[in-house]
Amino acid sequence: HIFGYLNFIDGSARGVPAFYQMKARETFAPIGPWITTADEIADPMKLQIQLRVNGKLKQNFNTDDMAHNIAKSIAWVSSIHTLEPGDILATGTNHRGLSALQGGDTVELEVEGLDTLHISIQDDLGRTWPRTTRLERQEAGFDGPVGQATGKYAPTG
């Protein structure tokens, strides 16, 4: 049974080869601003989503275009792991329009019926990354991870 829905931003560390180290960093999964109970959402697979970075619209899609369907995700996860009250299941984005975030960026995730989650990005190492999307890199003939552009640990020479 689903209690409710909330916004979830799934962050990833760039330049880290191990999946767990890339995804399981402190502050990398902000949620909120509150839980909207399931009875308030007629169809969770028909909600409009907008993601803005520094006020610029980066994503505008519907939940029916997410990487993973909610019902199928619950069925799959519960087949291998007991879901307990309070567990959060993130279903993913559609991956279009995403690019690296930089220290100082502001991000707004607005999901229809769930209000808007506002976050600020902080990077104490002062790194920067190319702002190109995965699709833009593929169209330019590049494959593989996006390299760090500046800051501590950036490649030199």
Protein backbone atom coordinates (compact mmCIF):
# COMPACT_ATOMS: atom_id res chain seq x y z
CA HIS A 1 0.00 0.00 0.00
CA ILE A 2 1.23 3.48 -0.84
CA PHE A 3 0.92 6.14 1.85
CA GLY A 4 1.88 9.07 -0.33
CA TYR A 5 4.13 10.77 -2.82
CA LEU A 6 6.92 13.31 -2.56
CA ASN A 7 9.61 14.96 -4.64
CA PHE A 8 13.00 13.22 -4.68
CA ILE A 9 16.15 14.48 -6.37
CA ASP A 10 18.54 11.63 -7.10
CA GLY A 11 22.07 13.07 -7.11
CA SER A 12 25.17 11.37 -8.46
CA ALA A 13 28.84 12.17 -7.92
CA ARG A 14 30.75 12.68 -11.15
CA GLY A 15 34.03 10.91 -11.76
CA VAL A 16 33.46 8.14 -9.20
CA PRO A 17 33.73 4.65 -10.72
CA ALA A 18 31.80 2.65 -8.08
CA PHE A 19 27.99 2.92 -8.26
CA TYR A 20 27.49 2.88 -4.48
CA GLN A 21 30.08 5.62 -3.93
CA MET A 22 28.54 7.64 -6.76
CA LYS A 23 24.98 7.45 -5.40
CA ALA A 24 25.26 7.07 -1.61
CA ARG A 25 26.70 10.42 -0.55
CA GLU A 26 25.29 12.52 2.25
CA THR A 27 22.86 15.15 0.93
CA PHE A 28 22.47 13.40 -2.45
CA ALA A 29 18.80 12.49 -2.05
CA PRO A 30 16.83 15.54 -0.90
CA ILE A 31 13.08 14.93 -0.53
CA GLY A 32 10.05 17.07 0.16
CA PRO A 33 8.82 19.63 0.78
CA TRP A 34 6.21 17.30 2.30
CA ILE A 35 4.32 14.06 1.64
CA THR A 36 1.12 14.32 -0.38
CA THR A 37 -1.13 11.43 0.67
CA ALA A 38 -2.13 8.88 -1.97
CA ASP A 39 -5.82 9.81 -1.73
CA GLU A 40 -4.94 13.31 -3.02
CA ILE A 41 -3.38 11.99 -6.25
CA ALA A 42 -5.87 10.51 -8.74
CA ASP A 43 -3.24 8.93 -11.00
CA PRO A 44 0.46 9.14 -10.06
CA MET A 45 1.40 8.13 -13.62
CA LYS A 46 -0.23 11.29 -15.02
CA LEU A 47 1.60 14.12 -13.22
CA GLN A 48 3.52 16.91 -14.94
CA ILE A 49 7.13 17.37 -13.82
CA GLN A 50 9.36 20.41 -14.33
CA LEU A 51 13.00 20.70 -13.29
CA ARG A 52 14.73 24.07 -13.33
CA VAL A 53 18.41 24.82 -12.73
CA ASN A 54 19.19 28.47 -12.01
CA GLY A 55 15.71 29.33 -13.28
CA LYS A 56 16.24 27.62 -16.66
CA LEU A 57 13.79 24.85 -17.56
CA LYS A 58 15.84 21.65 -18.03
CA GLN A 59 13.06 19.04 -17.97
CA ASN A 60 9.35 19.16 -18.69
CA PHE A 61 7.71 15.74 -18.90
CA ASN A 62 4.94 13.59 -17.48
CA THR A 63 5.32 10.76 -14.97
CA ASP A 64 4.10 8.37 -17.66
CA ASP A 65 7.50 8.98 -19.32
CA MET A 66 9.66 8.16 -16.26
CA ALA A 67 12.38 5.55 -16.43
CA HIS A 68 10.33 3.20 -14.23
CA ASN A 69 6.57 2.72 -13.79
CA ILE A 70 5.46 3.03 -10.14
CA ALA A 71 3.36 -0.16 -9.96
CA LYS A 72 6.00 -2.25 -11.75
CA SER A 73 8.72 -0.84 -9.48
CA ILE A 74 6.77 -1.78 -6.36
CA ALA A 75 6.11 -5.28 -7.72
CA TRP A 76 9.78 -5.82 -8.60
CA VAL A 77 11.24 -4.44 -5.36
CA SER A 78 8.73 -6.26 -3.15
CA SER A 79 9.56 -9.54 -4.91
CA ILE A 80 13.12 -9.38 -3.56
CA HIS A 81 12.83 -7.15 -0.49
CA THR A 82 10.12 -6.62 2.11
CA LEU A 83 8.85 -3.05 1.94
CA GLU A 84 8.20 -1.55 5.38
CA PRO A 85 6.16 1.51 6.40
CA GLY A 86 8.31 4.58 5.77
CA ASP A 87 10.34 3.06 2.94
CA ILE A 88 10.86 5.38 -0.01
CA LEU A 89 10.96 4.05 -3.54
CA ALA A 90 12.39 6.40 -6.17
CA THR A 91 11.21 5.71 -9.71
CA GLY A 92 13.55 7.78 -11.84
CA THR A 93 13.36 10.53 -14.39
CA ASN A 94 13.17 10.35 -18.17
CA HIS A 95 16.87 11.40 -18.28
CA ARG A 96 16.47 14.03 -21.01
CA GLY A 97 17.86 17.50 -20.34
CA LEU A 98 20.07 16.54 -17.41
CA SER A 99 23.59 17.93 -17.07
CA ALA A 100 26.12 18.39 -14.29
CA LEU A 101 25.31 20.67 -11.37
CA GLN A 102 27.90 23.14 -10.06
CA GLY A 103 28.47 24.65 -6.64
CA GLY A 104 26.16 27.67 -6.30
CA ASP A 105 23.42 26.26 -8.55
CA THR A 106 19.81 26.35 -7.41
CA VAL A 107 17.50 23.52 -8.39
CA GLU A 108 13.71 23.44 -8.33
CA LEU A 109 11.77 20.23 -8.83
CA GLU A 110 8.05 20.80 -9.29
CA VAL A 111 5.69 17.85 -9.58
CA GLU A 112 2.00 18.47 -10.18
CA GLY A 113 0.16 18.08 -6.86
CA LEU A 114 3.37 17.76 -4.81
CA ASP A 115 4.52 21.41 -4.71
CA THR A 116 8.14 22.40 -5.39
CA LEU A 117 11.37 21.15 -3.80
CA HIS A 118 14.08 23.85 -3.74
CA ILE A 119 17.74 22.97 -3.17
CA SER A 120 21.10 24.74 -3.42
CA ILE A 121 24.24 22.95 -4.57
CA GLN A 122 27.42 23.27 -2.53
CA ASP A 123 30.81 21.97 -3.63
CA ASP A 124 33.57 22.77 -1.16
CA LEU A 125 36.17 21.64 -3.72
CA GLY A 126 35.08 24.30 -6.23
CA ARG A 127 34.87 21.91 -9.17
CA THR A 128 33.12 22.62 -12.46
CA TRP A 129 31.83 20.25 -15.10
CA PRO A 130 30.77 20.74 -18.70
CA ARG A 131 27.07 21.66 -18.87
CA THR A 132 26.38 19.43 -21.86
CA THR A 133 23.70 16.77 -21.61
CA ARG A 134 24.31 13.09 -22.30
CA LEU A 135 22.42 13.42 -25.61
CA GLU A 136 24.48 16.47 -26.65
CA ARG A 137 27.69 14.56 -25.91
CA GLN A 138 26.51 11.53 -27.92
CA GLU A 139 25.52 13.73 -30.86
CA ALA A 140 29.03 15.28 -30.77
CA GLY A 141 30.58 11.80 -30.92
CA PHE A 142 31.67 11.55 -27.29
CA ASP A 143 31.03 8.46 -25.19
CA GLY A 144 31.80 7.68 -21.57
CA PRO A 145 31.84 9.82 -18.44
CA VAL A 146 31.99 13.60 -18.47
CA GLY A 147 35.36 14.80 -17.23
CA GLN A 148 35.85 17.42 -14.54
CA ALA A 149 36.73 20.81 -16.06
CA THR A 150 38.22 22.80 -13.15
CA GLY A 151 38.87 22.69 -9.41
CA LYS A 152 40.63 20.34 -7.06
CA TYR A 153 41.39 16.97 -8.69
CA ALA A 154 40.76 18.25 -12.24
CA PRO A 155 43.09 16.77 -14.85
CA THR A 156 45.99 19.01 -15.84
CA GLY A 157 47.93 19.39 -19.05
